[in-house]
């Protein structure tokens, strides 16, 4: 059982940012990554559609004998993970914006959150904000268009830079000192964001925390792969394999899957 793969799915290529963190922490684990790029972005879709897509992805990974499933998508987590956990007898790891550390660390009492509409409008996001950030000025921004640009291979485009400048402006006016990235596509924006943000603004994402949680759940369920050899990593997408391969720096083969 321990040698079975960790399954990871996202609405597209963004969740590879999560895969990188898990792979760095657990290099001997076998992993299977599934990108539903044909249906990206999930953010503008309704909760029912997001849940149905998450079920489809889960069924595929379960058919591949995955021992645990990481929902490497903030929108899918906040809208569908409760249903998935109630439906399938397999551990699930979810992702939600790292509001807590930003709220605890802020000195200006203002934090920015860049996320999808599906995440920001979810009940889980509202609950988390209510628990940790009631006295904090939260500047929320829907990152409309960002996922589309990344999925179409335009990560480093002028259009992306212009979009980010527009989204960051109200946050900087509000004197934020932390920017929470609430979508797994967004860590790929970090080099560009560092150029656009003042040096005192700290960028926070959930990648390392998700990797640590994945390890903890594997240990709790006696599913940790104790092999000393590097794990096998497989990548599948129903979109353009070349775009995912570029984010993986060409170090891994990406397979097209019609699903």
Protein backbone atom coordinates (compact mmCIF):
# COMPACT_ATOMS: atom_id res chain seq x y z
CA UNK A 1 0.00 0.00 0.00
CA UNK A 2 2.82 2.43 0.90
CA UNK A 3 4.30 2.23 -2.61
CA UNK A 4 1.04 3.30 -4.24
CA UNK A 5 1.13 6.85 -5.58
CA UNK A 6 0.02 10.10 -4.03
CA UNK A 7 -2.68 11.50 -6.30
CA UNK A 8 -2.77 15.25 -6.95
CA UNK A 9 -5.34 17.16 -9.00
CA UNK A 10 -5.91 20.78 -9.93
CA UNK A 11 -8.00 22.74 -12.39
CA UNK A 12 -4.83 23.01 -14.44
CA UNK A 13 -1.06 23.38 -14.25
CA UNK A 14 -0.99 25.54 -11.11
CA UNK A 15 -1.03 22.64 -8.69
CA UNK A 16 2.42 21.67 -9.89
CA UNK A 17 3.58 24.34 -7.41
CA UNK A 18 2.16 22.06 -4.70
CA UNK A 19 3.71 18.96 -6.30
CA UNK A 20 7.13 20.64 -6.14
CA UNK A 21 6.80 21.22 -2.38
CA UNK A 22 5.62 17.66 -1.70
CA UNK A 23 8.35 16.22 -3.91
CA UNK A 24 10.99 18.29 -2.10
CA UNK A 25 9.81 17.00 1.29
CA UNK A 26 8.99 13.43 0.22
CA UNK A 27 11.31 12.65 -2.73
CA UNK A 28 10.83 8.89 -2.42
CA UNK A 29 7.06 8.99 -2.86
CA UNK A 30 5.49 7.97 -6.17
CA UNK A 31 3.13 10.68 -7.40
CA UNK A 32 0.51 11.08 -10.10
CA UNK A 33 -0.54 14.59 -11.09
CA UNK A 34 -3.77 15.29 -12.97
CA UNK A 35 -4.44 18.68 -14.61
CA UNK A 36 -8.02 19.38 -15.71
CA UNK A 37 -6.85 22.24 -17.93
CA UNK A 38 -9.70 21.76 -20.41
CA UNK A 39 -12.05 23.06 -17.69
CA UNK A 40 -9.79 25.77 -16.24
CA UNK A 41 -10.35 28.08 -14.55
CA UNK A 42 -12.65 26.62 -11.88
CA UNK A 43 -12.98 29.97 -10.10
CA UNK A 44 -15.96 31.44 -12.03
CA UNK A 45 -17.89 28.16 -12.04
CA UNK A 46 -20.65 27.44 -9.55
CA UNK A 47 -20.22 25.15 -6.55
CA UNK A 48 -22.16 22.28 -8.17
CA UNK A 49 -20.01 22.29 -11.30
CA UNK A 50 -16.81 22.53 -9.24
CA UNK A 51 -17.93 19.58 -7.12
CA UNK A 52 -18.78 17.49 -10.18
CA UNK A 53 -15.39 18.20 -11.75
CA UNK A 54 -13.69 17.32 -8.46
CA UNK A 55 -15.59 14.02 -8.36
CA UNK A 56 -14.46 13.25 -11.91
CA UNK A 57 -10.83 13.94 -11.01
CA UNK A 58 -11.08 11.90 -7.80
CA UNK A 59 -12.59 8.93 -9.63
CA UNK A 60 -9.68 8.92 -12.10
CA UNK A 61 -7.05 9.06 -9.35
CA UNK A 62 -8.84 6.38 -7.35
CA UNK A 63 -8.88 4.15 -10.44
CA UNK A 64 -5.08 4.57 -10.56
CA UNK A 65 -4.87 3.14 -7.02
CA UNK A 66 -3.75 6.36 -5.37
CA UNK A 67 -3.38 5.98 -1.60
CA UNK A 68 -4.14 9.62 -0.78
CA UNK A 69 -5.45 12.55 -2.80
CA UNK A 70 -4.20 16.13 -2.60
CA UNK A 71 -6.76 18.62 -3.89
CA UNK A 72 -4.15 21.08 -5.20
CA UNK A 73 -6.77 23.69 -6.01
CA UNK A 74 -8.08 26.30 -3.59
CA UNK A 75 -11.40 26.59 -5.42
CA UNK A 76 -12.00 22.82 -5.43
CA UNK A 77 -11.01 22.56 -1.77
CA UNK A 78 -13.28 25.34 -0.55
CA UNK A 79 -16.25 24.11 -2.59
CA UNK A 80 -15.95 20.33 -2.78
CA UNK A 81 -13.62 18.74 -0.25
CA UNK A 82 -16.30 18.15 2.38
CA UNK A 83 -18.34 16.21 -0.19
CA UNK A 84 -15.27 14.23 -1.29
CA UNK A 85 -14.37 13.28 2.28
CA UNK A 86 -17.93 12.16 2.95
CA UNK A 87 -18.08 10.11 -0.24
CA UNK A 88 -14.74 8.33 -0.57
CA UNK A 89 -12.86 6.13 1.87
CA UNK A 90 -9.47 7.71 1.17
CA UNK A 91 -7.58 10.52 2.92
CA UNK A 92 -7.85 13.95 1.28
CA UNK A 93 -5.52 16.91 1.75
CA UNK A 94 -7.08 20.29 0.98
CA UNK A 95 -5.76 23.76 0.38
CA UNK A 96 -7.05 27.12 1.48
CA UNK A 97 -5.48 30.59 1.56
CA UNK A 98 -2.92 31.10 4.33
CA UNK A 99 -4.91 33.81 6.10
CA UNK A 100 -3.87 32.73 9.60
CA UNK A 101 -0.09 33.38 9.34
CA UNK A 102 -0.67 36.66 7.50
CA UNK A 103 -3.15 37.84 10.15
CA UNK A 104 -0.83 36.86 13.01
CA UNK A 105 2.27 38.45 11.48
CA UNK A 106 0.92 41.73 10.06
CA UNK A 107 2.30 44.93 11.57
CA UNK A 108 0.18 47.33 9.49
CA UNK A 109 -3.05 45.48 10.30
CA UNK A 110 -3.74 45.12 6.58
CA UNK A 111 -3.28 42.07 4.36
CA UNK A 112 -4.08 41.44 0.73
CA UNK A 113 -5.61 38.24 -0.63
CA UNK A 114 -5.41 37.43 -4.31
CA UNK A 115 -7.70 34.50 -5.11
CA UNK A 116 -10.38 33.21 -7.45
CA UNK A 117 -14.03 34.18 -7.20
CA UNK A 118 -14.87 30.58 -6.28
CA UNK A 119 -12.53 30.69 -3.28
CA UNK A 120 -13.41 34.16 -2.01
CA UNK A 121 -17.16 33.51 -2.16
CA UNK A 122 -16.98 30.10 -0.44
CA UNK A 123 -18.28 29.31 3.03
CA UNK A 124 -14.92 27.82 4.05
CA UNK A 125 -13.06 31.02 3.18
CA UNK A 126 -15.61 33.07 5.13
CA UNK A 127 -15.22 30.76 8.14
CA UNK A 128 -11.42 30.96 8.08
CA UNK A 129 -11.47 34.75 7.76
CA UNK A 130 -13.90 34.96 10.66
CA UNK A 131 -11.65 32.82 12.87
CA UNK A 132 -8.36 34.60 12.30
CA UNK A 133 -8.85 38.01 10.73
CA UNK A 134 -11.88 39.76 12.22
CA UNK A 135 -9.79 42.73 13.37
CA UNK A 136 -7.61 42.84 10.28
CA UNK A 137 -8.25 44.95 7.19
CA UNK A 138 -8.47 42.35 4.42
CA UNK A 139 -8.27 43.61 0.86
CA UNK A 140 -9.70 40.86 -1.32
CA UNK A 141 -9.02 40.77 -5.04
CA UNK A 142 -10.42 38.32 -7.57
CA UNK A 143 -7.56 37.40 -9.87
CA UNK A 144 -9.73 37.32 -12.97
CA UNK A 145 -7.73 36.43 -16.07
CA UNK A 146 -4.57 35.25 -14.29
CA UNK A 147 -5.25 31.50 -14.58
CA UNK A 148 -6.25 31.92 -18.22
CA UNK A 149 -2.93 33.62 -19.02
CA UNK A 150 -0.89 30.94 -17.22
CA UNK A 151 -2.84 28.08 -18.82
CA UNK A 152 -2.29 29.62 -22.28
CA UNK A 153 1.46 29.95 -21.76
CA UNK A 154 1.49 33.72 -21.14
CA UNK A 155 2.92 33.73 -17.63
CA UNK A 156 5.60 36.29 -18.46
CA UNK A 157 3.51 38.48 -20.77
CA UNK A 158 2.94 42.23 -20.67
CA UNK A 159 -0.76 41.47 -20.21
CA UNK A 160 0.05 39.60 -16.98
CA UNK A 161 2.18 42.45 -15.67
CA UNK A 162 -0.54 45.00 -16.42
CA UNK A 163 -3.16 42.82 -14.71
CA UNK A 164 -1.07 42.43 -11.58
CA UNK A 165 -0.36 46.16 -11.36
CA UNK A 166 -4.11 46.79 -11.50
CA UNK A 167 -4.86 44.21 -8.80
CA UNK A 168 -2.07 45.31 -6.46
CA UNK A 169 -2.86 49.04 -6.56
CA UNK A 170 -5.74 49.06 -4.01
CA UNK A 171 -3.78 46.71 -1.74
CA UNK A 172 -0.74 48.98 -1.69
CA UNK A 173 -2.96 52.02 -1.06
CA UNK A 174 -4.32 50.17 1.99
CA UNK A 175 -0.74 49.66 3.25
CA UNK A 176 -0.68 45.87 3.24
CA UNK A 177 2.45 44.14 4.51
CA UNK A 178 1.42 40.59 3.54
CA UNK A 179 0.05 39.27 0.25
CA UNK A 180 -1.67 35.89 0.46
CA UNK A 181 -1.72 33.89 -2.76
CA UNK A 182 -5.06 32.06 -2.73
CA UNK A 183 -4.66 29.94 -5.87
CA UNK A 184 -2.04 27.29 -6.62
CA UNK A 185 -1.34 28.90 -9.99
CA UNK A 186 -0.23 32.09 -8.29
CA UNK A 187 3.15 31.02 -6.80
CA UNK A 188 4.42 31.08 -10.38
CA UNK A 189 3.80 34.84 -10.25
CA UNK A 190 6.23 35.33 -7.37
CA UNK A 191 9.23 36.60 -9.43
CA UNK A 192 6.99 39.20 -11.09
CA UNK A 193 5.28 40.12 -7.82
CA UNK A 194 8.64 40.70 -6.16
CA UNK A 195 9.39 43.32 -8.80
CA UNK A 196 6.03 45.04 -8.34
CA UNK A 197 5.78 45.00 -4.53
CA UNK A 198 7.72 47.08 -1.99
CA UNK A 199 10.39 44.99 -0.23
CA UNK A 200 8.54 45.01 3.11
CA UNK A 201 5.51 43.13 1.69
CA UNK A 202 5.79 39.43 2.40
CA UNK A 203 4.28 36.93 -0.05
CA UNK A 204 2.63 33.88 1.53
CA UNK A 205 1.36 30.72 -0.13
CA UNK A 206 0.24 27.35 1.23
CA UNK A 207 2.71 25.02 -0.53
CA UNK A 208 5.05 24.07 2.30
CA UNK A 209 2.21 23.73 4.80
CA UNK A 210 0.38 21.37 2.42
CA UNK A 211 3.53 19.28 2.00
CA UNK A 212 3.94 18.98 5.78
CA UNK A 213 0.28 18.05 6.20
CA UNK A 214 0.57 15.41 3.46
CA UNK A 215 3.52 13.83 5.28
CA UNK A 216 1.66 13.91 8.61
CA UNK A 217 -1.45 12.21 7.18
CA UNK A 218 0.66 9.56 5.46
CA UNK A 219 2.41 8.83 8.76
CA UNK A 220 -0.88 8.69 10.69
CA UNK A 221 -2.26 6.14 8.23
CA UNK A 222 0.96 4.12 7.94
CA UNK A 223 1.15 4.99 4.25
CA UNK A 224 4.59 6.62 4.10
CA UNK A 225 6.84 5.10 1.44
CA UNK A 226 9.98 3.96 3.27
CA UNK A 227 11.87 3.14 0.07
CA UNK A 228 15.28 4.79 -0.29
CA UNK A 229 14.99 5.20 -4.06
CA UNK A 230 13.56 8.33 -5.72
CA UNK A 231 9.84 8.09 -6.49
CA UNK A 232 8.29 7.93 -9.94
CA UNK A 233 6.35 11.04 -10.99
CA UNK A 234 3.70 10.96 -13.69
CA UNK A 235 1.95 14.00 -15.13
CA UNK A 236 -1.30 14.01 -17.10
CA UNK A 237 -3.30 16.85 -18.64
CA UNK A 238 -6.29 17.26 -20.93
CA UNK A 239 -4.79 20.59 -22.04
CA UNK A 240 -1.50 21.49 -23.71
CA UNK A 241 1.29 19.23 -22.35
CA UNK A 242 3.99 21.69 -23.43
CA UNK A 243 2.73 24.40 -21.07
CA UNK A 244 2.93 22.10 -18.06
CA UNK A 245 6.32 20.79 -19.18
CA UNK A 246 7.65 24.36 -19.28
CA UNK A 247 6.62 24.92 -15.65
CA UNK A 248 8.42 21.70 -14.76
CA UNK A 249 11.51 23.07 -16.55
CA UNK A 250 11.36 20.29 -19.10
CA UNK A 251 12.54 17.74 -16.51
CA UNK A 252 9.45 15.53 -16.70
CA UNK A 253 7.38 14.05 -19.49
CA UNK A 254 3.78 15.27 -19.57
CA UNK A 255 1.14 13.00 -21.07
CA UNK A 256 -2.05 14.10 -22.81
CA UNK A 257 -5.12 12.43 -21.36
CA UNK A 258 -8.55 12.77 -22.94
CA UNK A 259 -10.76 12.81 -19.86
